[in-house]
């Protein structure tokens, strides 16, 4: 049985566009490929509808997708407020361990 080619960038683009289409609170989605595993997609979703947090420890939600299949991969989604995103960009709060803004791909709403 042939192995299915997994195109991480294409899959990340599909997730970002779908999330932007279905979540009215999203201001923007960022795909962070730098330093991630071959079958791992890291998205930061800037959401104006989530409540402000006083705790700036950031933890992504891990969605294991298509487990046990040739298309198995991890989708990690980190929801942040616009204020948190500004603090991340200013390096006042840190992304999760191993995450980087290097090579970030921005997906704005349509």
N, C-alpha and C. Protein backbone atom coordinates (compact mmCIF):
# COMPACT_ATOMS: atom_id res chain seq x y z
N UNK A 1 0.84 -1.18 0.00
CA UNK A 1 0.00 0.00 0.00
C UNK A 1 0.89 1.25 0.00
N UNK A 2 0.68 2.19 -0.93
CA UNK A 2 1.52 3.38 -0.99
C UNK A 2 1.25 4.32 0.17
N UNK A 3 2.29 5.02 0.59
CA UNK A 3 2.15 5.99 1.67
C UNK A 3 1.61 7.30 1.11
N UNK A 4 0.66 7.89 1.79
CA UNK A 4 0.07 9.15 1.36
C UNK A 4 1.04 10.28 1.69
N UNK A 5 1.29 11.15 0.71
CA UNK A 5 2.13 12.32 0.92
C UNK A 5 1.36 13.33 1.77
N UNK A 6 1.96 13.80 2.86
CA UNK A 6 1.32 14.77 3.74
C UNK A 6 1.92 16.13 3.47
N UNK A 7 1.12 17.07 2.98
CA UNK A 7 1.58 18.42 2.70
C UNK A 7 1.15 19.32 3.85
N UNK A 8 2.03 19.49 4.80
CA UNK A 8 1.72 20.23 6.02
C UNK A 8 1.28 21.67 5.73
N UNK A 9 1.95 22.35 4.82
CA UNK A 9 1.60 23.74 4.52
C UNK A 9 0.20 23.85 3.92
N UNK A 10 -0.14 22.94 3.05
CA UNK A 10 -1.46 22.95 2.43
C UNK A 10 -2.55 22.65 3.46
N UNK A 11 -2.29 21.69 4.32
CA UNK A 11 -3.26 21.32 5.36
C UNK A 11 -3.43 22.48 6.35
N UNK A 12 -2.32 23.13 6.71
CA UNK A 12 -2.39 24.28 7.62
C UNK A 12 -3.22 25.41 7.00
N UNK A 13 -3.02 25.67 5.73
CA UNK A 13 -3.79 26.71 5.03
C UNK A 13 -5.28 26.38 5.04
N UNK A 14 -5.60 25.10 4.81
CA UNK A 14 -7.00 24.67 4.82
C UNK A 14 -7.63 24.87 6.20
N UNK A 15 -6.91 24.47 7.27
CA UNK A 15 -7.43 24.67 8.63
C UNK A 15 -7.64 26.15 8.91
N UNK A 16 -6.65 26.97 8.60
CA UNK A 16 -6.74 28.41 8.89
C UNK A 16 -7.94 29.03 8.19
N UNK A 17 -8.11 28.73 6.92
CA UNK A 17 -9.22 29.31 6.16
C UNK A 17 -10.57 28.82 6.69
N UNK A 18 -10.65 27.56 7.05
CA UNK A 18 -11.90 27.01 7.58
C UNK A 18 -12.23 27.63 8.94
N UNK A 19 -11.23 27.77 9.80
CA UNK A 19 -11.47 28.37 11.11
C UNK A 19 -11.90 29.83 10.96
N UNK A 20 -11.26 30.57 10.06
CA UNK A 20 -11.63 31.97 9.82
C UNK A 20 -13.06 32.09 9.30
N UNK A 21 -13.47 31.12 8.52
CA UNK A 21 -14.81 31.14 7.95
C UNK A 21 -15.88 30.82 9.00
N UNK A 22 -15.55 29.98 9.96
CA UNK A 22 -16.57 29.48 10.89
C UNK A 22 -16.56 30.15 12.26
N UNK A 23 -15.49 30.87 12.62
CA UNK A 23 -15.41 31.51 13.93
C UNK A 23 -15.45 33.03 13.76
N UNK A 24 -16.56 33.67 14.09
CA UNK A 24 -16.70 35.11 13.86
C UNK A 24 -15.79 35.97 14.74
N UNK A 25 -15.21 35.40 15.78
CA UNK A 25 -14.34 36.16 16.65
C UNK A 25 -12.91 36.27 16.17
N UNK A 26 -12.54 35.47 15.17
CA UNK A 26 -11.14 35.47 14.73
C UNK A 26 -10.79 36.74 13.97
N UNK A 27 -9.73 37.37 14.44
CA UNK A 27 -9.18 38.56 13.80
C UNK A 27 -8.16 38.12 12.75
N UNK A 28 -7.43 37.07 13.06
CA UNK A 28 -6.36 36.58 12.20
C UNK A 28 -5.90 35.21 12.71
N UNK A 29 -5.33 34.41 11.82
CA UNK A 29 -4.73 33.13 12.20
C UNK A 29 -3.28 33.14 11.71
N UNK A 30 -2.38 32.68 12.55
CA UNK A 30 -0.97 32.58 12.18
C UNK A 30 -0.56 31.11 12.23
N UNK A 31 0.08 30.67 11.17
CA UNK A 31 0.64 29.32 11.09
C UNK A 31 2.12 29.45 11.40
N UNK A 32 2.59 28.67 12.39
CA UNK A 32 3.97 28.74 12.84
C UNK A 32 4.72 27.44 12.55
N UNK A 33 5.29 27.30 11.35
CA UNK A 33 5.94 26.05 11.00
C UNK A 33 7.34 25.85 11.59
N UNK A 34 8.02 26.94 11.95
CA UNK A 34 9.42 26.83 12.41
C UNK A 34 9.53 25.95 13.65
N UNK A 35 10.39 24.95 13.57
CA UNK A 35 10.67 24.08 14.71
C UNK A 35 9.65 23.00 14.99
N UNK A 36 8.60 22.92 14.18
CA UNK A 36 7.59 21.89 14.44
C UNK A 36 7.94 20.59 13.73
N UNK A 37 7.38 19.51 14.22
CA UNK A 37 7.60 18.20 13.61
C UNK A 37 6.92 18.14 12.24
N UNK A 38 7.33 17.18 11.43
CA UNK A 38 6.84 17.07 10.06
C UNK A 38 5.32 16.97 9.98
N UNK A 39 4.71 16.30 10.91
CA UNK A 39 3.25 16.12 10.89
C UNK A 39 2.57 16.87 12.04
N UNK A 40 3.10 18.05 12.32
CA UNK A 40 2.54 18.89 13.37
C UNK A 40 2.24 20.27 12.79
N UNK A 41 1.04 20.76 13.04
CA UNK A 41 0.61 22.08 12.57
C UNK A 41 0.32 22.93 13.80
N UNK A 42 1.00 24.07 13.88
CA UNK A 42 0.81 24.99 15.00
C UNK A 42 0.11 26.24 14.50
N UNK A 43 -1.05 26.53 15.07
CA UNK A 43 -1.79 27.73 14.72
C UNK A 43 -1.99 28.60 15.95
N UNK A 44 -1.79 29.91 15.78
CA UNK A 44 -2.17 30.89 16.80
C UNK A 44 -3.39 31.61 16.23
N UNK A 45 -4.48 31.56 16.97
CA UNK A 45 -5.72 32.19 16.54
C UNK A 45 -6.01 33.38 17.44
N UNK A 46 -5.98 34.57 16.84
CA UNK A 46 -6.24 35.81 17.58
C UNK A 46 -7.75 36.02 17.54
N UNK A 47 -8.36 35.95 18.73
CA UNK A 47 -9.82 35.93 18.83
C UNK A 47 -10.32 37.06 19.73
N UNK A 48 -11.11 37.96 19.13
CA UNK A 48 -11.62 39.11 19.88
C UNK A 48 -12.81 38.76 20.78
N UNK A 49 -13.33 37.56 20.66
CA UNK A 49 -14.50 37.18 21.46
C UNK A 49 -14.16 36.37 22.71
N UNK A 50 -12.89 36.04 22.92
CA UNK A 50 -12.55 35.33 24.15
C UNK A 50 -12.22 36.36 25.23
N UNK A 51 -12.47 36.00 26.46
CA UNK A 51 -12.27 36.91 27.58
C UNK A 51 -10.80 37.20 27.83
N UNK A 52 -10.56 38.41 28.30
CA UNK A 52 -9.20 38.77 28.69
C UNK A 52 -8.76 37.89 29.85
N UNK A 53 -7.52 37.54 29.85
CA UNK A 53 -6.97 36.68 30.90
C UNK A 53 -5.96 37.46 31.72
N UNK A 54 -5.90 37.17 32.99
CA UNK A 54 -4.87 37.79 33.82
C UNK A 54 -3.62 36.91 33.86
N UNK A 55 -3.78 35.65 33.55
CA UNK A 55 -2.67 34.71 33.52
C UNK A 55 -2.16 34.62 32.09
N UNK A 56 -0.89 34.93 31.88
CA UNK A 56 -0.34 34.91 30.53
C UNK A 56 0.38 33.61 30.19
N UNK A 57 0.14 32.53 30.95
CA UNK A 57 0.72 31.25 30.55
C UNK A 57 -0.15 30.71 29.41
N UNK A 58 0.48 30.42 28.31
CA UNK A 58 -0.24 30.03 27.10
C UNK A 58 -0.07 28.55 26.83
N UNK A 59 -1.19 27.85 26.67
CA UNK A 59 -1.19 26.42 26.38
C UNK A 59 -2.08 26.14 25.18
N UNK A 60 -1.53 25.50 24.16
CA UNK A 60 -2.37 25.17 23.00
C UNK A 60 -3.25 23.96 23.28
N UNK A 61 -4.30 23.85 22.52
CA UNK A 61 -5.15 22.66 22.54
C UNK A 61 -4.61 21.72 21.49
N UNK A 62 -4.43 20.46 21.85
CA UNK A 62 -3.86 19.45 20.95
C UNK A 62 -4.98 18.61 20.36
N UNK A 63 -5.18 18.74 19.06
CA UNK A 63 -6.15 17.94 18.34
C UNK A 63 -5.38 16.89 17.55
N UNK A 64 -5.38 15.67 18.01
CA UNK A 64 -4.80 14.60 17.22
C UNK A 64 -5.79 14.28 16.10
N UNK A 65 -5.35 14.35 14.87
CA UNK A 65 -6.25 14.21 13.73
C UNK A 65 -5.94 12.93 12.96
N UNK A 66 -6.99 12.21 12.58
CA UNK A 66 -6.87 10.98 11.77
C UNK A 66 -5.89 9.98 12.38
N UNK A 67 -5.99 9.80 13.69
CA UNK A 67 -5.10 8.86 14.38
C UNK A 67 -5.24 7.46 13.81
N UNK A 68 -4.10 6.82 13.63
CA UNK A 68 -4.09 5.46 13.13
C UNK A 68 -4.23 5.35 11.62
N UNK A 69 -4.25 6.48 10.92
CA UNK A 69 -4.36 6.44 9.45
C UNK A 69 -3.09 7.00 8.83
N UNK A 70 -2.99 6.90 7.51
CA UNK A 70 -1.83 7.44 6.80
C UNK A 70 -1.80 8.97 6.85
N UNK A 71 -2.91 9.58 7.19
CA UNK A 71 -3.01 11.04 7.24
C UNK A 71 -2.88 11.58 8.68
N UNK A 72 -2.46 10.73 9.62
CA UNK A 72 -2.36 11.13 11.02
C UNK A 72 -1.44 12.34 11.18
N UNK A 73 -1.90 13.31 11.99
CA UNK A 73 -1.09 14.48 12.30
C UNK A 73 -1.63 15.16 13.56
N UNK A 74 -0.86 16.11 14.08
CA UNK A 74 -1.28 16.88 15.25
C UNK A 74 -1.62 18.29 14.80
N UNK A 75 -2.73 18.78 15.28
CA UNK A 75 -3.12 20.17 15.09
C UNK A 75 -3.11 20.81 16.47
N UNK A 76 -2.21 21.76 16.67
CA UNK A 76 -2.11 22.48 17.93
C UNK A 76 -2.63 23.89 17.71
N UNK A 77 -3.66 24.28 18.48
CA UNK A 77 -4.28 25.59 18.32
C UNK A 77 -4.14 26.37 19.63
N UNK A 78 -3.56 27.54 19.51
CA UNK A 78 -3.39 28.44 20.64
C UNK A 78 -4.29 29.65 20.42
N UNK A 79 -5.34 29.78 21.25
CA UNK A 79 -6.23 30.93 21.19
C UNK A 79 -5.70 32.03 22.09
N UNK A 80 -5.57 33.24 21.52
CA UNK A 80 -5.12 34.39 22.30
C UNK A 80 -6.03 35.58 22.01
N UNK A 81 -6.05 36.51 22.94
CA UNK A 81 -6.78 37.75 22.72
C UNK A 81 -5.91 38.69 21.88
N UNK A 82 -6.51 39.72 21.29
CA UNK A 82 -5.69 40.71 20.57
C UNK A 82 -4.63 41.35 21.47
N UNK A 83 -4.97 41.61 22.74
CA UNK A 83 -3.99 42.20 23.67
C UNK A 83 -2.83 41.23 23.93
N UNK A 84 -3.14 39.95 24.10
CA UNK A 84 -2.08 38.96 24.29
C UNK A 84 -1.20 38.88 23.05
N UNK A 85 -1.82 38.92 21.88
CA UNK A 85 -1.04 38.85 20.64
C UNK A 85 -0.05 40.02 20.56
N UNK A 86 -0.48 41.21 20.95
CA UNK A 86 0.43 42.36 20.96
C UNK A 86 1.58 42.12 21.93
N UNK A 87 1.29 41.53 23.10
CA UNK A 87 2.35 41.25 24.07
C UNK A 87 3.29 40.15 23.56
N UNK A 88 2.76 39.18 22.82
CA UNK A 88 3.61 38.15 22.21
C UNK A 88 4.56 38.79 21.21
N UNK A 89 4.02 39.64 20.34
CA UNK A 89 4.84 40.30 19.33
C UNK A 89 5.90 41.20 19.97
N UNK A 90 5.59 41.81 21.09
CA UNK A 90 6.54 42.67 21.80
C UNK A 90 7.49 41.86 22.69
N UNK A 91 7.32 40.54 22.68
CA UNK A 91 8.13 39.62 23.47
C UNK A 91 7.97 39.84 24.98
N UNK A 92 6.79 40.30 25.38
CA UNK A 92 6.49 40.49 26.80
C UNK A 92 5.90 39.23 27.42
N UNK A 93 5.30 38.38 26.59
CA UNK A 93 4.90 37.04 27.03
C UNK A 93 5.41 36.05 25.99
N UNK A 94 5.65 34.84 26.43
CA UNK A 94 6.26 33.84 25.57
C UNK A 94 5.24 32.90 24.97
N UNK A 95 5.55 32.47 23.77
CA UNK A 95 4.79 31.39 23.15
C UNK A 95 5.12 30.10 23.88
N UNK A 96 4.34 29.05 23.67
CA UNK A 96 4.69 27.76 24.28
C UNK A 96 6.11 27.33 23.92
N UNK A 97 6.70 26.53 24.76
CA UNK A 97 8.07 26.07 24.57
C UNK A 97 8.26 25.46 23.17
N UNK A 98 9.27 25.93 22.45
CA UNK A 98 9.58 25.41 21.13
C UNK A 98 8.88 26.13 19.99
N UNK A 99 7.92 26.99 20.29
CA UNK A 99 7.19 27.74 19.25
C UNK A 99 7.97 29.00 18.92
N UNK A 100 7.89 29.43 17.67
CA UNK A 100 8.62 30.61 17.22
C UNK A 100 7.80 31.38 16.19
N UNK A 101 7.97 32.70 16.18
CA UNK A 101 7.34 33.53 15.17
C UNK A 101 8.12 33.55 13.86
N UNK A 102 9.33 32.96 13.85
CA UNK A 102 10.12 32.87 12.62
C UNK A 102 9.31 32.12 11.57
N UNK A 103 9.27 32.62 10.37
CA UNK A 103 8.57 32.00 9.24
C UNK A 103 7.05 31.97 9.43
N UNK A 104 6.52 32.78 10.34
CA UNK A 104 5.06 32.81 10.56
C UNK A 104 4.34 33.19 9.28
N UNK A 105 3.24 32.50 9.02
CA UNK A 105 2.39 32.78 7.85
C UNK A 105 1.08 33.33 8.38
N UNK A 106 0.69 34.52 7.92
CA UNK A 106 -0.51 35.19 8.40
C UNK A 106 -1.68 34.90 7.46
N UNK A 107 -2.80 34.53 8.04
CA UNK A 107 -4.05 34.32 7.28
C UNK A 107 -5.07 35.30 7.83
N UNK A 108 -5.34 36.40 7.10
CA UNK A 108 -6.34 37.36 7.55
C UNK A 108 -7.74 36.89 7.18
N UNK A 109 -8.74 37.45 7.84
CA UNK A 109 -10.12 37.09 7.45
C UNK A 109 -10.43 37.65 6.07
N UNK A 110 -11.35 37.04 5.39
CA UNK A 110 -11.74 37.51 4.05
C UNK A 110 -12.90 38.44 4.15
